Amino acid sequence: MSTVEELKIQRKQIKGSITRHETAVNRFKDTDDVLLLEIRLAELTNLFKTYNEIQGKLEMLQEASDENYANNLESENDKERDKVETHYFNLVNKIKSILLTLQLDTSGENNKRCDSV
């Protein structure tokens, strides 16, 4: 069984991975391969699932250790979850917006080619 400290380390590593993906997305250029964004989106989904599992275990361990301690930590855990969820969903939104924009740009170029023929 994992300890609270081990779970916190794992949680920190996942948060770091999400941030690294965000940095890569922010550096993305229209000339870059779109598949890279799709791969990052899939990886982010996996990371977020793992984060939720780790955070859930952490909350259960903390709650089981001391009920009074758990009540005080509830808002801390809620804040932590909210922060990571907001970061994750904003990043997913950004990736999907880029993909949609590129898709619309590509279909617009195809329409121009058809019109000129």
Protein backbone atom coordinates (compact mmCIF):
# COMPACT_ATOMS: atom_id res chain seq x y z
CA MET A 1 0.00 0.00 0.00
CA SER A 2 1.22 3.48 -0.82
CA THR A 3 1.93 5.98 1.88
CA VAL A 4 0.62 9.53 1.88
CA GLU A 5 4.09 10.85 1.02
CA GLU A 6 4.50 8.42 -1.89
CA LEU A 7 1.11 9.43 -3.28
CA LYS A 8 1.97 13.11 -2.96
CA ILE A 9 5.16 12.50 -4.93
CA GLN A 10 3.23 10.65 -7.65
CA ARG A 11 0.64 13.46 -7.73
CA LYS A 12 3.42 16.04 -8.10
CA GLN A 13 4.95 14.09 -10.99
CA ILE A 14 1.62 14.00 -12.81
CA LYS A 15 1.08 17.72 -12.28
CA GLY A 16 4.57 18.30 -13.69
CA SER A 17 3.75 16.20 -16.75
CA ILE A 18 0.57 18.18 -17.37
CA THR A 19 2.59 21.40 -17.17
CA ARG A 20 5.18 20.06 -19.62
CA HIS A 21 2.39 19.18 -22.07
CA GLU A 22 1.02 22.69 -21.65
CA THR A 23 4.42 24.17 -22.48
CA ALA A 24 4.63 22.06 -25.64
CA VAL A 25 1.10 23.06 -26.68
CA ASN A 26 1.90 26.73 -26.12
CA ARG A 27 4.92 26.35 -28.43
CA PHE A 28 2.90 24.57 -31.12
CA LYS A 29 3.05 26.21 -34.56
CA ASP A 30 0.71 25.76 -37.50
CA THR A 31 3.55 24.07 -39.36
CA ASP A 32 3.98 21.41 -36.66
CA ASP A 33 2.47 17.96 -37.06
CA VAL A 34 -1.15 17.95 -35.88
CA LEU A 35 -0.79 14.35 -34.76
CA LEU A 36 1.46 15.56 -31.96
CA LEU A 37 -1.48 17.46 -30.48
CA GLU A 38 -3.72 14.42 -30.75
CA ILE A 39 -1.09 12.28 -29.02
CA ARG A 40 -0.72 14.86 -26.26
CA LEU A 41 -4.49 14.99 -25.83
CA ALA A 42 -4.64 11.21 -25.38
CA GLU A 43 -1.72 11.28 -22.94
CA LEU A 44 -3.35 14.09 -20.95
CA THR A 45 -6.51 12.01 -20.65
CA ASN A 46 -4.46 9.13 -19.23
CA LEU A 47 -2.57 11.43 -16.87
CA PHE A 48 -5.80 12.95 -15.57
CA LYS A 49 -7.29 9.51 -14.97
CA THR A 50 -4.18 8.50 -13.02
CA TYR A 51 -4.25 11.79 -11.10
CA ASN A 52 -7.84 11.12 -10.02
CA GLU A 53 -6.91 7.63 -8.84
CA ILE A 54 -3.94 8.90 -6.85
CA GLN A 55 -5.87 11.83 -5.38
CA GLY A 56 -8.70 9.48 -4.37
CA LYS A 57 -6.27 7.12 -2.61
CA LEU A 58 -4.61 10.06 -0.90
CA GLU A 59 -7.93 11.38 0.36
CA MET A 60 -8.96 7.94 1.64
CA LEU A 61 -5.68 7.46 3.49
CA GLN A 62 -5.87 10.90 5.03
CA GLU A 63 -9.49 10.42 6.05
CA ALA A 64 -8.78 7.01 7.57
CA SER A 65 -5.85 8.32 9.59
CA ASP A 66 -7.82 10.85 11.64
CA GLU A 67 -11.38 12.06 11.21
CA ASN A 68 -10.65 15.57 12.55
CA TYR A 69 -7.58 15.81 10.35
CA ALA A 70 -9.65 14.67 7.38
CA ASN A 71 -12.31 17.33 7.96
CA ASN A 72 -9.65 20.04 7.92
CA LEU A 73 -8.08 18.57 4.80
CA GLU A 74 -11.35 18.32 2.92
CA SER A 75 -11.20 21.91 1.72
CA GLU A 76 -7.46 21.57 0.98
CA ASN A 77 -8.15 18.48 -1.14
CA ASP A 78 -11.07 20.22 -2.84
CA LYS A 79 -8.84 23.17 -3.69
CA GLU A 80 -6.15 20.83 -5.00
CA ARG A 81 -8.63 18.93 -7.17
CA ASP A 82 -10.20 22.14 -8.45
CA LYS A 83 -6.81 23.58 -9.37
CA VAL A 84 -5.71 20.47 -11.29
CA GLU A 85 -9.11 19.99 -12.96
CA THR A 86 -9.16 23.61 -14.11
CA HIS A 87 -5.61 23.30 -15.47
CA TYR A 88 -6.45 20.03 -17.24
CA PHE A 89 -9.74 21.19 -18.77
CA ASN A 90 -8.27 24.51 -19.92
CA LEU A 91 -5.43 22.65 -21.62
CA VAL A 92 -7.78 20.15 -23.26
CA ASN A 93 -9.92 23.05 -24.45
CA LYS A 94 -6.88 24.78 -25.92
CA ILE A 95 -5.76 21.65 -27.77
CA LYS A 96 -9.24 20.99 -29.16
CA SER A 97 -9.56 24.64 -30.22
CA ILE A 98 -6.25 24.46 -32.09
CA LEU A 99 -7.26 21.19 -33.75
CA LEU A 100 -10.64 22.64 -34.77
CA THR A 101 -9.05 25.81 -36.14
CA LEU A 102 -6.53 23.81 -38.15
CA GLN A 103 -9.29 21.54 -39.41
CA LEU A 104 -11.38 24.54 -40.49
CA ASP A 105 -8.36 26.15 -42.14
CA THR A 106 -7.65 22.95 -44.04
CA SER A 107 -11.26 22.54 -45.19
CA GLY A 108 -11.30 26.20 -46.24
CA GLU A 109 -8.20 25.68 -48.36
CA ASN A 110 -9.80 22.61 -49.95
CA ASN A 111 -12.89 24.65 -50.80
CA LYS A 112 -10.71 27.35 -52.42
CA ARG A 113 -8.98 24.72 -54.54
CA CYS A 114 -12.34 23.33 -55.68
CA ASP A 115 -13.63 26.81 -56.51
CA SER A 116 -10.59 27.60 -58.66
CA VAL A 117 -10.95 24.44 -60.76
